[in-house]
PDB file of N, CA and C in Angstrom:
ATOM      1  N   MET A   1     -22.795 204.273 107.295  1.00  0.00           N
ATOM      2  CA  MET A   1     -23.256 203.682 108.868  1.00  0.00           C
ATOM      3  C   MET A   1     -22.180 202.970 109.581  1.00  0.00           C
ATOM      4  N   PHE A   2     -20.999 202.461 109.142  1.00  0.00           N
ATOM      5  CA  PHE A   2     -19.802 202.039 110.326  1.00  0.00           C
ATOM      6  C   PHE A   2     -19.442 203.058 110.614  1.00  0.00           C
ATOM      7  N   ALA A   3     -19.477 204.514 110.582  1.00  0.00           N
ATOM      8  CA  ALA A   3     -19.069 205.579 110.622  1.00  0.00           C
ATOM      9  C   ALA A   3     -19.490 205.597 112.186  1.00  0.00           C
ATOM     10  N   GLU A   4     -20.891 205.980 112.298  1.00  0.00           N
ATOM     11  CA  GLU A   4     -21.638 206.065 113.468  1.00  0.00           C
ATOM     12  C   GLU A   4     -21.826 204.799 114.250  1.00  0.00           C
ATOM     13  N   TYR A   5     -21.705 203.739 113.757  1.00  0.00           N
ATOM     14  CA  TYR A   5     -21.655 202.294 114.570  1.00  0.00           C
ATOM     15  C   TYR A   5     -20.668 201.606 114.809  1.00  0.00           C
ATOM     16  N   PRO A   6     -19.314 202.158 115.066  1.00  0.00           N
ATOM     17  CA  PRO A   6     -17.897 201.320 114.976  1.00  0.00           C
ATOM     18  C   PRO A   6     -18.147 200.041 115.298  1.00  0.00           C
ATOM     19  N   ASP A   7     -18.995 199.450 116.174  1.00  0.00           N
ATOM     20  CA  ASP A   7     -19.161 198.028 116.735  1.00  0.00           C
ATOM     21  C   ASP A   7     -19.631 197.069 115.399  1.00  0.00           C
ATOM     22  N   ILE A   8     -20.519 197.943 114.981  1.00  0.00           N
ATOM     23  CA  ILE A   8     -21.300 196.992 113.797  1.00  0.00           C
ATOM     24  C   ILE A   8     -20.243 196.633 112.637  1.00  0.00           C
ATOM     25  N   LYS A   9     -19.322 197.484 112.381  1.00  0.00           N
ATOM     26  CA  LYS A   9     -18.497 197.562 111.571  1.00  0.00           C
ATOM     27  C   LYS A   9     -17.232 196.166 111.821  1.00  0.00           C
ATOM     28  N   VAL A  10     -16.792 195.984 113.339  1.00  0.00           N
ATOM     29  CA  VAL A  10     -16.114 194.816 113.750  1.00  0.00           C
ATOM     30  C   VAL A  10     -16.977 193.760 113.537  1.00  0.00           C
ATOM     31  N   ALA A  11     -17.958 193.787 113.922  1.00  0.00           N
ATOM     32  CA  ALA A  11     -18.904 192.550 113.573  1.00  0.00           C
ATOM     33  C   ALA A  11     -18.962 191.775 112.468  1.00  0.00           C
ATOM     34  N   PHE A  12     -19.256 193.123 111.954  1.00  0.00           N
ATOM     35  CA  PHE A  12     -19.313 192.755 109.703  1.00  0.00           C
ATOM     36  C   PHE A  12     -17.589 191.852 109.661  1.00  0.00           C
ATOM     37  N   ASP A  13     -16.816 192.747 109.830  1.00  0.00           N
ATOM     38  CA  ASP A  13     -15.574 192.400 109.233  1.00  0.00           C
ATOM     39  C   ASP A  13     -14.894 190.766 110.115  1.00  0.00           C
ATOM     40  N   MET A  14     -15.716 190.572 111.129  1.00  0.00           N
ATOM     41  CA  MET A  14     -15.371 189.266 112.092  1.00  0.00           C
ATOM     42  C   MET A  14     -16.054 188.149 110.931  1.00  0.00           C
ATOM     43  N   VAL A  15     -16.994 188.279 110.742  1.00  0.00           N
ATOM     44  CA  VAL A  15     -18.049 187.771 109.679  1.00  0.00           C
ATOM     45  C   VAL A  15     -17.510 186.995 108.752  1.00  0.00           C
ATOM     46  N   GLN A  16     -17.297 188.247 108.076  1.00  0.00           N
ATOM     47  CA  GLN A  16     -16.488 188.514 106.392  1.00  0.00           C
ATOM     48  C   GLN A  16     -15.478 187.703 106.588  1.00  0.00           C
ATOM     49  N   GLY A  17     -14.821 187.900 107.709  1.00  0.00           N
ATOM     50  CA  GLY A  17     -13.217 187.058 107.724  1.00  0.00           C
ATOM     51  C   GLY A  17     -13.724 185.643 107.942  1.00  0.00           C
ATOM     52  N   LEU A  18     -14.746 185.323 108.920  1.00  0.00           N
ATOM     53  CA  LEU A  18     -15.261 183.892 109.207  1.00  0.00           C
ATOM     54  C   LEU A  18     -15.490 183.136 107.681  1.00  0.00           C
ATOM     55  N   ARG A  19     -15.794 184.132 106.897  1.00  0.00           N
ATOM     56  CA  ARG A  19     -16.636 183.775 105.499  1.00  0.00           C
ATOM     57  C   ARG A  19     -15.813 183.398 104.719  1.00  0.00           C
ATOM     58  N   ASN A  20     -14.373 184.134 104.666  1.00  0.00           N
ATOM     59  CA  ASN A  20     -13.168 184.201 103.802  1.00  0.00           C
ATOM     60  C   ASN A  20     -12.725 183.315 104.381  1.00  0.00           C
ATOM     61  N   ILE A  21     -12.495 182.714 105.443  1.00  0.00           N
ATOM     62  CA  ILE A  21     -12.036 181.392 105.754  1.00  0.00           C
ATOM     63  C   ILE A  21     -12.038 180.195 105.248  1.00  0.00           C
ATOM     64  N   PHE A  22     -13.287 179.808 104.957  1.00  0.00           N
ATOM     65  CA  PHE A  22     -13.812 178.853 104.070  1.00  0.00           C
ATOM     66  C   PHE A  22     -13.747 179.541 102.877  1.00  0.00           C
ATOM     67  N   ASN A  23     -13.860 180.441 101.796  1.00  0.00           N
ATOM     68  CA  ASN A  23     -13.820 180.370 100.936  1.00  0.00           C
ATOM     69  C   ASN A  23     -12.309 179.979 100.581  1.00  0.00           C
ATOM     70  N   THR A  24     -11.642 180.917 101.106  1.00  0.00           N
ATOM     71  CA  THR A  24     -10.257 180.803 100.266  1.00  0.00           C
ATOM     72  C   THR A  24      -9.235 180.020 101.086  1.00  0.00           C
ATOM     73  N   ALA A  25      -9.240 179.234 102.282  1.00  0.00           N
ATOM     74  CA  ALA A  25      -8.401 178.419 102.310  1.00  0.00           C
ATOM     75  C   ALA A  25      -8.861 177.026 101.738  1.00  0.00           C
ATOM     76  N   THR A  26      -6.833 176.818 101.104  1.00  0.00           N
ATOM     77  CA  THR A  26      -7.076 175.395 100.414  1.00  0.00           C
ATOM     78  C   THR A  26      -6.342 174.408 101.152  1.00  0.00           C
ATOM     79  N   THR A  27      -5.732 174.723 102.264  1.00  0.00           N
ATOM     80  CA  THR A  27      -5.143 173.124 102.919  1.00  0.00           C
ATOM     81  C   THR A  27      -6.168 173.318 104.409  1.00  0.00           C
ATOM     82  N   ILE A  28      -5.561 172.298 104.962  1.00  0.00           N
ATOM     83  CA  ILE A  28      -6.218 171.709 106.179  1.00  0.00           C
ATOM     84  C   ILE A  28      -5.159 172.625 107.464  1.00  0.00           C
ATOM     85  N   GLN A  29      -4.164 172.773 107.116  1.00  0.00           N
ATOM     86  CA  GLN A  29      -3.439 173.404 107.895  1.00  0.00           C
ATOM     87  C   GLN A  29      -3.348 175.045 107.936  1.00  0.00           C
ATOM     88  N   THR A  30      -3.950 175.736 106.474  1.00  0.00           N
ATOM     89  CA  THR A  30      -4.106 176.920 106.377  1.00  0.00           C
ATOM     90  C   THR A  30      -5.134 177.306 107.023  1.00  0.00           C
ATOM     91  N   ALA A  31      -6.420 176.807 106.809  1.00  0.00           N
ATOM     92  CA  ALA A  31      -7.227 176.404 107.987  1.00  0.00           C
ATOM     93  C   ALA A  31      -7.233 176.527 109.407  1.00  0.00           C
ATOM     94  N   TYR A  32      -6.282 175.704 109.482  1.00  0.00           N
ATOM     95  CA  TYR A  32      -6.344 176.085 111.242  1.00  0.00           C
ATOM     96  C   TYR A  32      -5.513 176.910 111.472  1.00  0.00           C
ATOM     97  N   THR A  33      -4.698 177.492 110.652  1.00  0.00           N
ATOM     98  CA  THR A  33      -4.064 178.797 111.241  1.00  0.00           C
ATOM     99  C   THR A  33      -4.848 180.243 111.299  1.00  0.00           C
ATOM    100  N   LYS A  34      -5.862 180.064 110.269  1.00  0.00           N
ATOM    101  CA  LYS A  34      -7.120 181.421 110.081  1.00  0.00           C
ATOM    102  C   LYS A  34      -7.993 180.630 111.077  1.00  0.00           C
ATOM    103  N   LEU A  35      -8.098 179.935 111.202  1.00  0.00           N
ATOM    104  CA  LEU A  35      -9.599 179.568 112.214  1.00  0.00           C
ATOM    105  C   LEU A  35      -8.823 179.920 113.735  1.00  0.00           C
ATOM    106  N   ALA A  36      -7.548 179.919 113.906  1.00  0.00           N
ATOM    107  CA  ALA A  36      -6.777 180.057 115.293  1.00  0.00           C
ATOM    108  C   ALA A  36      -6.615 181.627 115.286  1.00  0.00           C
ATOM    109  N   HIS A  37      -6.331 182.546 114.071  1.00  0.00           N
ATOM    110  CA  HIS A  37      -6.011 183.955 114.344  1.00  0.00           C
ATOM    111  C   HIS A  37      -7.650 184.426 114.490  1.00  0.00           C
ATOM    112  N   TRP A  38      -8.784 183.668 113.583  1.00  0.00           N
ATOM    113  CA  TRP A  38      -9.966 184.328 113.780  1.00  0.00           C
ATOM    114  C   TRP A  38     -10.691 184.230 115.353  1.00  0.00           C
ATOM    115  N   HIS A  39     -10.059 183.064 116.151  1.00  0.00           N
ATOM    116  CA  HIS A  39     -10.676 182.951 117.368  1.00  0.00           C
ATOM    117  C   HIS A  39     -10.033 183.976 118.483  1.00  0.00           C
ATOM    118  N   LYS A  40      -9.194 184.618 118.245  1.00  0.00           N
ATOM    119  CA  LYS A  40      -7.795 185.083 119.042  1.00  0.00           C
ATOM    120  C   LYS A  40      -8.303 186.981 118.597  1.00  0.00           C
ATOM    121  N   ASP A  41      -9.094 187.166 117.443  1.00  0.00           N
ATOM    122  CA  ASP A  41      -9.684 188.422 117.015  1.00  0.00           C
ATOM    123  C   ASP A  41     -11.315 188.391 118.310  1.00  0.00           C
ATOM    124  N   VAL A  42     -12.017 187.066 117.749  1.00  0.00           N
ATOM    125  CA  VAL A  42     -12.991 187.116 118.611  1.00  0.00           C
ATOM    126  C   VAL A  42     -13.349 187.439 120.288  1.00  0.00           C
ATOM    127  N   GLU A  43     -11.930 186.875 120.990  1.00  0.00           N
ATOM    128  CA  GLU A  43     -11.931 186.911 122.398  1.00  0.00           C
ATOM    129  C   GLU A  43     -11.491 188.294 122.467  1.00  0.00           C
ATOM    130  N   ALA A  44     -10.505 189.320 121.597  1.00  0.00           N
ATOM    131  CA  ALA A  44      -9.752 190.296 121.798  1.00  0.00           C
ATOM    132  C   ALA A  44     -11.226 191.507 121.657  1.00  0.00           C
ATOM    133  N   SER A  45     -12.227 191.022 120.652  1.00  0.00           N
ATOM    134  CA  SER A  45     -13.159 191.595 120.342  1.00  0.00           C
ATOM    135  C   SER A  45     -14.438 192.081 121.471  1.00  0.00           C
ATOM    136  N   GLY A  46     -14.836 191.006 122.558  1.00  0.00           N
ATOM    137  CA  GLY A  46     -15.623 191.382 123.469  1.00  0.00           C
ATOM    138  C   GLY A  46     -16.776 190.757 123.047  1.00  0.00           C
ATOM    139  N   PHE A  47     -17.062 190.419 121.769  1.00  0.00           N
ATOM    140  CA  PHE A  47     -18.968 190.107 121.617  1.00  0.00           C
ATOM    141  C   PHE A  47     -19.032 188.909 122.045  1.00  0.00           C
ATOM    142  N   LYS A  48     -19.828 188.512 122.890  1.00  0.00           N
ATOM    143  CA  LYS A  48     -20.584 187.076 123.532  1.00  0.00           C
ATOM    144  C   LYS A  48     -21.084 186.294 122.487  1.00  0.00           C
ATOM    145  N   SER A  49     -21.535 187.262 121.449  1.00  0.00           N
ATOM    146  CA  SER A  49     -22.629 186.413 120.106  1.00  0.00           C
ATOM    147  C   SER A  49     -21.482 185.528 119.422  1.00  0.00           C
ATOM    148  N   PHE A  50     -20.326 185.926 118.929  1.00  0.00           N
ATOM    149  CA  PHE A  50     -19.147 185.322 118.550  1.00  0.00           C
ATOM    150  C   PHE A  50     -18.355 184.715 119.359  1.00  0.00           C
ATOM    151  N   GLN A  51     -18.475 184.381 120.382  1.00  0.00           N
ATOM    152  CA  GLN A  51     -17.923 183.719 121.201  1.00  0.00           C
ATOM    153  C   GLN A  51     -18.435 182.390 121.543  1.00  0.00           C
ATOM    154  N   THR A  52     -20.092 182.349 121.456  1.00  0.00           N
ATOM    155  CA  THR A  52     -20.627 181.328 121.228  1.00  0.00           C
ATOM    156  C   THR A  52     -20.311 180.294 119.873  1.00  0.00           C
ATOM    157  N   VAL A  53     -20.074 181.364 118.934  1.00  0.00           N
ATOM    158  CA  VAL A  53     -19.850 180.499 117.450  1.00  0.00           C
ATOM    159  C   VAL A  53     -18.153 180.130 118.226  1.00  0.00           C
ATOM    160  N   ALA A  54     -17.012 180.705 118.374  1.00  0.00           N
ATOM    161  CA  ALA A  54     -15.606 180.565 118.534  1.00  0.00           C
ATOM    162  C   ALA A  54     -15.905 179.322 119.510  1.00  0.00           C
ATOM    163  N   ASN A  55     -16.720 179.227 120.569  1.00  0.00           N
ATOM    164  CA  ASN A  55     -16.826 178.125 121.524  1.00  0.00           C
ATOM    165  C   ASN A  55     -16.868 176.919 120.846  1.00  0.00           C
ATOM    166  N   SER A  56     -18.149 177.472 119.710  1.00  0.00           N
ATOM    167  CA  SER A  56     -18.253 176.035 119.156  1.00  0.00           C
ATOM    168  C   SER A  56     -16.698 175.158 117.739  1.00  0.00           C
ATOM    169  N   ILE A  57     -16.418 176.799 117.189  1.00  0.00           N
ATOM    170  CA  ILE A  57     -15.578 175.747 116.500  1.00  0.00           C
ATOM    171  C   ILE A  57     -14.202 175.225 116.883  1.00  0.00           C
ATOM    172  N   SER A  58     -13.996 175.355 118.336  1.00  0.00           N
ATOM    173  CA  SER A  58     -13.211 175.081 119.477  1.00  0.00           C
ATOM    174  C   SER A  58     -13.657 173.631 119.748  1.00  0.00           C
ATOM    175  N   VAL A  59     -14.533 173.247 120.045  1.00  0.00           N
ATOM    176  CA  VAL A  59     -15.335 171.939 120.263  1.00  0.00           C
ATOM    177  C   VAL A  59     -14.762 171.250 118.926  1.00  0.00           C
ATOM    178  N   ASN A  60     -15.007 171.610 117.952  1.00  0.00           N
ATOM    179  CA  ASN A  60     -15.173 170.773 117.167  1.00  0.00           C
ATOM    180  C   ASN A  60     -13.773 170.944 116.178  1.00  0.00           C
ATOM    181  N   TYR A  61     -12.535 171.487 116.514  1.00  0.00           N
ATOM    182  CA  TYR A  61     -11.799 172.014 115.891  1.00  0.00           C
ATOM    183  C   TYR A  61     -10.866 171.210 114.962  1.00  0.00           C
ATOM    184  N   ARG A  62     -10.780 170.010 115.305  1.00  0.00           N
ATOM    185  CA  ARG A  62     -10.071 168.642 114.830  1.00  0.00           C
ATOM    186  C   ARG A  62     -10.996 168.365 113.119  1.00  0.00           C
ATOM    187  N   SER A  63     -12.452 168.072 113.460  1.00  0.00           N
ATOM    188  CA  SER A  63     -13.053 167.625 112.194  1.00  0.00           C
ATOM    189  C   SER A  63     -13.710 168.868 111.518  1.00  0.00           C
ATOM    190  N   ILE A  64     -13.406 170.267 111.921  1.00  0.00           N
ATOM    191  CA  ILE A  64     -14.289 171.242 110.936  1.00  0.00           C
ATOM    192  C   ILE A  64     -13.191 171.372 109.572  1.00  0.00           C
ATOM    193  N   PRO A  65     -11.764 171.521 110.393  1.00  0.00           N
ATOM    194  CA  PRO A  65     -10.878 171.086 108.691  1.00  0.00           C
ATOM    195  C   PRO A  65     -11.053 170.376 107.485  1.00  0.00           C
ATOM    196  N   ASN A  66     -11.610 169.269 108.291  1.00  0.00           N
ATOM    197  CA  ASN A  66     -12.397 168.381 107.100  1.00  0.00           C
ATOM    198  C   ASN A  66     -12.856 168.896 105.908  1.00  0.00           C
ATOM    199  N   TYR A  67     -13.546 169.651 106.053  1.00  0.00           N
ATOM    200  CA  TYR A  67     -14.215 170.447 104.833  1.00  0.00           C
ATOM    201  C   TYR A  67     -13.416 170.854 103.887  1.00  0.00           C
ATOM    202  N   PHE A  68     -11.916 171.340 104.167  1.00  0.00           N
ATOM    203  CA  PHE A  68     -11.723 171.881 103.528  1.00  0.00           C
ATOM    204  C   PHE A  68     -10.506 170.503 102.343  1.00  0.00           C
ATOM    205  N   ILE A  69     -10.655 169.310 102.478  1.00  0.00           N
ATOM    206  CA  ILE A  69     -10.263 168.467 101.584  1.00  0.00           C
ATOM    207  C   ILE A  69     -10.931 168.245 100.247  1.00  0.00           C
ATOM    208  N   ASN A  70     -11.956 168.525 100.462  1.00  0.00           N
ATOM    209  CA  ASN A  70     -12.981 168.398  99.102  1.00  0.00           C
ATOM    210  C   ASN A  70     -14.099 169.563  99.312  1.00  0.00           C
ATOM    211  N   LYS A  71     -14.573 170.221 100.058  1.00  0.00           N
ATOM    212  CA  LYS A  71     -15.020 171.461  99.990  1.00  0.00           C
ATOM    213  C   LYS A  71     -16.870 171.465  99.848  1.00  0.00           C
ATOM    214  N   SER A  72     -16.803 169.829 100.811  1.00  0.00           N
ATOM    215  CA  SER A  72     -17.996 169.215 101.292  1.00  0.00           C
ATOM    216  C   SER A  72     -18.619 169.336 102.482  1.00  0.00           C
ATOM    217  N   THR A  73     -20.295 169.095 102.640  1.00  0.00           N
ATOM    218  CA  THR A  73     -20.330 169.420 103.879  1.00  0.00           C
ATOM    219  C   THR A  73     -21.487 168.208 104.214  1.00  0.00           C
ATOM    220  N   ASN A  74     -21.932 167.442 105.340  1.00  0.00           N
ATOM    221  CA  ASN A  74     -23.081 166.979 105.693  1.00  0.00           C
ATOM    222  C   ASN A  74     -24.317 167.830 105.574  1.00  0.00           C
ATOM    223  N   ALA A  75     -24.445 168.584 105.278  1.00  0.00           N
ATOM    224  CA  ALA A  75     -25.846 169.255 105.210  1.00  0.00           C
ATOM    225  C   ALA A  75     -26.959 168.853 104.509  1.00  0.00           C
ATOM    226  N   SER A  76     -26.553 167.583 103.440  1.00  0.00           N
ATOM    227  CA  SER A  76     -27.606 167.092 102.787  1.00  0.00           C
ATOM    228  C   SER A  76     -27.979 165.881 103.791  1.00  0.00           C
ATOM    229  N   ALA A  77     -27.147 165.311 104.754  1.00  0.00           N
ATOM    230  CA  ALA A  77     -27.710 164.413 105.691  1.00  0.00           C
ATOM    231  C   ALA A  77     -28.396 164.853 106.468  1.00  0.00           C
ATOM    232  N   GLU A  78     -27.975 166.094 107.112  1.00  0.00           N
ATOM    233  CA  GLU A  78     -28.673 166.959 108.330  1.00  0.00           C
ATOM    234  C   GLU A  78     -30.237 167.164 108.009  1.00  0.00           C
ATOM    235  N   SER A  79     -30.174 167.652 106.228  1.00  0.00           N
ATOM    236  CA  SER A  79     -31.234 167.552 106.017  1.00  0.00           C
ATOM    237  C   SER A  79     -32.225 166.863 105.688  1.00  0.00           C
ATOM    238  N   PHE A  80     -31.730 165.937 105.465  1.00  0.00           N
ATOM    239  CA  PHE A  80     -33.098 164.385 105.218  1.00  0.00           C
ATOM    240  C   PHE A  80     -33.066 164.239 106.901  1.00  0.00           C
ATOM    241  N   ASN A  81     -31.928 164.138 107.969  1.00  0.00           N
ATOM    242  CA  ASN A  81     -32.360 163.756 109.306  1.00  0.00           C
ATOM    243  C   ASN A  81     -33.392 164.319 109.961  1.00  0.00           C
ATOM    244  N   ALA A  82     -33.734 166.053 109.528  1.00  0.00           N
ATOM    245  CA  ALA A  82     -34.491 166.553 109.893  1.00  0.00           C
ATOM    246  C   ALA A  82     -36.307 166.295 109.206  1.00  0.00           C
ATOM    247  N   LYS A  83     -35.856 166.143 108.060  1.00  0.00           N
ATOM    248  CA  LYS A  83     -37.591 165.653 107.399  1.00  0.00           C
ATOM    249  C   LYS A  83     -37.750 164.339 107.761  1.00  0.00           C
ATOM    250  N   ILE A  84     -37.019 163.330 108.048  1.00  0.00           N
ATOM    251  CA  ILE A  84     -37.027 162.011 108.790  1.00  0.00           C
ATOM    252  C   ILE A  84     -37.615 162.142 110.299  1.00  0.00           C
ATOM    253  N   LYS A  85     -37.386 163.058 111.063  1.00  0.00           N
ATOM    254  CA  LYS A  85     -37.615 163.482 112.784  1.00  0.00           C
ATOM    255  C   LYS A  85     -38.887 164.143 112.619  1.00  0.00           C
ATOM    256  N   ALA A  86     -39.474 165.061 111.465  1.00  0.00           N
ATOM    257  CA  ALA A  86     -40.681 166.141 111.157  1.00  0.00           C
ATOM    258  C   ALA A  86     -41.626 165.149 110.691  1.00  0.00           C
ATOM    259  N   PHE A  87     -41.415 163.835 109.872  1.00  0.00           N
ATOM    260  CA  PHE A  87     -41.752 162.942 109.520  1.00  0.00           C
ATOM    261  C   PHE A  87     -42.598 162.158 110.583  1.00  0.00           C
ATOM    262  N   ARG A  88     -41.911 161.661 111.038  1.00  0.00           N
ATOM    263  CA  ARG A  88     -42.398 161.104 112.245  1.00  0.00           C
ATOM    264  C   ARG A  88     -43.095 162.110 113.524  1.00  0.00           C
ATOM    265  N   ALA A  89     -42.626 163.292 113.764  1.00  0.00           N
ATOM    266  CA  ALA A  89     -43.655 164.191 114.700  1.00  0.00           C
ATOM    267  C   ALA A  89     -45.226 164.217 114.383  1.00  0.00           C
ATOM    268  N   GLN A  90     -44.889 163.999 112.728  1.00  0.00           N
ATOM    269  CA  GLN A  90     -46.351 164.308 112.363  1.00  0.00           C
ATOM    270  C   GLN A  90     -47.217 163.189 112.762  1.00  0.00           C
ATOM    271  N   PHE A  91     -46.709 162.121 113.263  1.00  0.00           N
ATOM    272  CA  PHE A  91     -47.977 161.039 113.212  1.00  0.00           C
ATOM    273  C   PHE A  91     -47.528 160.175 114.543  1.00  0.00           C
ATOM    274  N   ARG A  92     -46.950 161.448 115.503  1.00  0.00           N
ATOM    275  CA  ARG A  92     -46.295 161.642 117.029  1.00  0.00           C
ATOM    276  C   ARG A  92     -46.165 159.577 117.289  1.00  0.00           C
ATOM    277  N   GLY A  93     -45.300 159.682 116.594  1.00  0.00           N
ATOM    278  CA  GLY A  93     -43.869 158.581 117.003  1.00  0.00           C
ATOM    279  C   GLY A  93     -44.571 157.114 116.185  1.00  0.00           C
ATOM    280  N   VAL A  94     -43.721 156.181 116.465  1.00  0.00           N
ATOM    281  CA  VAL A  94     -43.699 155.019 115.365  1.00  0.00           C
ATOM    282  C   VAL A  94     -43.895 154.084 115.819  1.00  0.00           C
ATOM    283  N   LYS A  95     -45.103 153.271 115.785  1.00  0.00           N
ATOM    284  CA  LYS A  95     -45.777 151.503 116.478  1.00  0.00           C
ATOM    285  C   LYS A  95     -45.023 150.361 115.245  1.00  0.00           C
ATOM    286  N   ASN A  96     -45.270 151.018 113.951  1.00  0.00           N
ATOM    287  CA  ASN A  96     -45.114 149.524 113.290  1.00  0.00           C
ATOM    288  C   ASN A  96     -43.547 150.177 112.427  1.00  0.00           C
ATOM    289  N   VAL A  97     -42.027 150.147 112.296  1.00  0.00           N
ATOM    290  CA  VAL A  97     -41.439 150.189 112.225  1.00  0.00           C
ATOM    291  C   VAL A  97     -41.174 149.596 110.694  1.00  0.00           C
ATOM    292  N   GLU A  98     -41.551 148.808 110.360  1.00  0.00           N
ATOM    293  CA  GLU A  98     -41.390 148.291 108.702  1.00  0.00           C
ATOM    294  C   GLU A  98     -42.258 148.987 108.088  1.00  0.00           C
ATOM    295  N   PHE A  99     -43.369 149.681 108.864  1.00  0.00           N
ATOM    296  CA  PHE A  99     -44.177 150.422 107.684  1.00  0.00           C
ATOM    297  C   PHE A  99     -43.520 151.736 107.618  1.00  0.00           C
ATOM    298  N   PHE A 100     -42.879 152.570 108.486  1.00  0.00           N
ATOM    299  CA  PHE A 100     -43.049 153.571 109.049  1.00  0.00           C
ATOM    300  C   PHE A 100     -41.614 153.901 107.559  1.00  0.00           C
ATOM    301  N   LEU A 101     -40.849 152.723 107.551  1.00  0.00           N
ATOM    302  CA  LEU A 101     -39.458 152.414 106.736  1.00  0.00           C
ATOM    303  C   LEU A 101     -39.905 152.672 105.498  1.00  0.00           C
ATOM    304  N   TYR A 102     -41.406 151.863 105.418  1.00  0.00           N
ATOM    305  CA  TYR A 102     -41.473 151.548 103.797  1.00  0.00           C
ATOM    306  C   TYR A 102     -41.813 153.414 103.153  1.00  0.00           C
ATOM    307  N   ARG A 103     -43.108 154.167 104.427  1.00  0.00           N
ATOM    308  CA  ARG A 103     -43.018 155.189 103.939  1.00  0.00           C
ATOM    309  C   ARG A 103     -42.482 155.929 103.633  1.00  0.00           C
ATOM    310  N   LEU A 104     -41.196 156.027 104.542  1.00  0.00           N
ATOM    311  CA  LEU A 104     -39.831 156.669 104.146  1.00  0.00           C
ATOM    312  C   LEU A 104     -39.569 156.741 102.929  1.00  0.00           C
ATOM    313  N   THR A 105     -39.387 155.075 102.507  1.00  0.00           N
ATOM    314  CA  THR A 105     -38.613 155.349 101.080  1.00  0.00           C
ATOM    315  C   THR A 105     -39.772 155.777 100.078  1.00  0.00           C
ATOM    316  N   THR A 106     -41.087 155.481  99.993  1.00  0.00           N
ATOM    317  CA  THR A 106     -41.680 155.781  98.788  1.00  0.00           C
ATOM    318  C   THR A 106     -42.227 157.003  98.895  1.00  0.00           C
ATOM    319  N   ILE A 107     -41.848 158.431 100.056  1.00  0.00           N
ATOM    320  CA  ILE A 107     -41.888 159.464  99.845  1.00  0.00           C
ATOM    321  C   ILE A 107     -41.039 160.194  99.867  1.00  0.00           C
ATOM    322  N   PHE A 108     -39.436 159.957 100.233  1.00  0.00           N
ATOM    323  CA  PHE A 108     -38.306 160.641  99.901  1.00  0.00           C
ATOM    324  C   PHE A 108     -37.462 159.798  99.076  1.00  0.00           C
ATOM    325  N   ALA A 109     -37.528 158.700  98.783  1.00  0.00           N
ATOM    326  CA  ALA A 109     -36.752 158.286  97.572  1.00  0.00           C
ATOM    327  C   ALA A 109     -36.701 158.692  96.638  1.00  0.00           C
TER     328      ALA A 109
END
Protein backbone atom coordinates (compact mmCIF):
# COMPACT_ATOMS: atom_id res chain seq x y z
CA MET A 1 0.00 0.00 0.00
CA PHE A 2 2.83 2.39 0.86
CA ALA A 3 4.34 1.85 -2.58
CA GLU A 4 1.16 3.06 -4.25
CA TYR A 5 0.45 5.86 -1.78
CA PRO A 6 3.73 7.40 -0.62
CA ASP A 7 1.92 10.22 1.22
CA ILE A 8 0.34 7.65 3.52
CA LYS A 9 3.79 6.27 4.28
CA VAL A 10 5.05 9.75 5.19
CA ALA A 11 2.02 10.35 7.43
CA PHE A 12 2.41 6.92 9.06
CA ASP A 13 6.09 7.56 9.73
CA MET A 14 5.30 10.93 11.30
CA VAL A 15 2.69 9.38 13.60
CA GLN A 16 5.08 6.62 14.59
CA GLY A 17 7.84 9.18 15.13
CA LEU A 18 5.72 11.16 17.59
CA ARG A 19 4.66 7.96 19.35
CA ASN A 20 8.29 6.87 19.61
CA ILE A 21 9.26 10.18 21.20
CA PHE A 22 6.85 9.56 24.07
CA ASN A 23 7.78 5.89 24.35
CA THR A 24 11.57 6.19 24.22
CA ALA A 25 12.69 9.61 25.46
CA THR A 26 14.00 9.27 29.00
CA THR A 27 14.96 12.86 29.83
CA ILE A 28 13.36 16.22 29.27
CA GLN A 29 16.34 17.39 27.21
CA THR A 30 16.05 14.41 24.88
CA ALA A 31 12.31 15.00 24.56
CA TYR A 32 12.83 18.69 23.70
CA THR A 33 15.33 17.78 21.00
CA LYS A 34 13.19 15.02 19.51
CA LEU A 35 10.05 17.17 19.55
CA ALA A 36 11.92 19.96 17.79
CA HIS A 37 13.11 17.57 15.08
CA TRP A 38 9.61 16.14 14.70
CA HIS A 39 8.19 19.67 14.39
CA LYS A 40 10.73 20.46 11.68
CA ASP A 41 9.72 17.29 9.80
CA VAL A 42 6.04 18.27 10.03
CA GLU A 43 6.75 21.69 8.55
CA ALA A 44 8.71 20.08 5.72
CA SER A 45 5.94 17.57 4.98
CA GLY A 46 3.24 20.17 4.32
CA PHE A 47 0.43 18.11 5.89
CA LYS A 48 -2.07 20.56 7.38
CA SER A 49 -3.49 18.03 9.84
CA PHE A 50 -0.07 17.44 11.37
CA GLN A 51 0.52 21.17 11.48
CA THR A 52 -2.42 21.43 13.90
CA VAL A 53 -0.77 18.91 16.22
CA ALA A 54 2.59 20.65 15.83
CA ASN A 55 1.00 23.99 16.73
CA SER A 56 -0.53 22.45 19.87
CA ILE A 57 2.90 21.13 20.82
CA SER A 58 4.43 24.57 20.18
CA VAL A 59 1.87 26.30 22.38
CA ASN A 60 2.44 23.81 25.21
CA TYR A 61 6.15 23.32 24.57
CA ARG A 62 7.13 24.01 28.17
CA SER A 63 4.59 21.75 29.87
CA ILE A 64 4.54 18.69 27.57
CA PRO A 65 8.03 17.46 28.54
CA ASN A 66 6.89 17.24 32.18
CA TYR A 67 5.44 13.90 31.08
CA PHE A 68 8.97 12.54 30.86
CA ILE A 69 9.69 13.10 34.57
CA ASN A 70 7.55 10.18 35.73
CA LYS A 71 5.59 9.16 32.59
CA SER A 72 2.23 10.24 33.95
CA THR A 73 -0.54 12.38 32.48
CA ASN A 74 -3.59 14.17 33.77
CA ALA A 75 -5.92 11.93 31.75
CA SER A 76 -7.77 10.68 34.83
CA ALA A 77 -8.47 14.24 35.98
CA GLU A 78 -9.68 15.21 32.51
CA SER A 79 -11.92 12.15 32.43
CA PHE A 80 -13.38 13.03 35.82
CA ASN A 81 -14.01 16.62 34.70
CA ALA A 82 -15.83 15.31 31.61
CA LYS A 83 -18.02 13.11 33.83
CA ILE A 84 -18.89 16.09 36.03
CA LYS A 85 -19.79 18.21 33.00
CA ALA A 86 -21.96 15.43 31.57
CA PHE A 87 -23.65 14.95 34.94
CA ARG A 88 -24.30 18.69 35.25
CA ALA A 89 -25.64 18.88 31.68
CA GLN A 90 -27.97 15.96 32.35
CA PHE A 91 -29.79 18.07 34.94
CA ARG A 92 -29.57 21.31 32.92
CA GLY A 93 -27.62 23.31 35.45
CA VAL A 94 -27.16 23.38 39.17
CA LYS A 95 -29.46 25.26 41.50
CA ASN A 96 -28.48 23.72 44.83
CA VAL A 97 -24.69 23.41 44.96
CA GLU A 98 -24.66 21.43 48.21
CA PHE A 99 -26.99 18.79 46.80
CA PHE A 100 -25.02 18.70 43.55
CA LEU A 101 -21.78 18.03 45.45
CA TYR A 102 -23.55 15.41 47.56
CA ARG A 103 -24.76 13.62 44.42
CA LEU A 104 -21.28 13.79 42.88
CA THR A 105 -19.66 12.24 45.92
CA THR A 106 -22.24 9.45 46.19
CA ILE A 107 -22.12 8.56 42.49
CA PHE A 108 -18.43 9.02 41.62
CA ALA A 109 -16.68 8.36 44.93
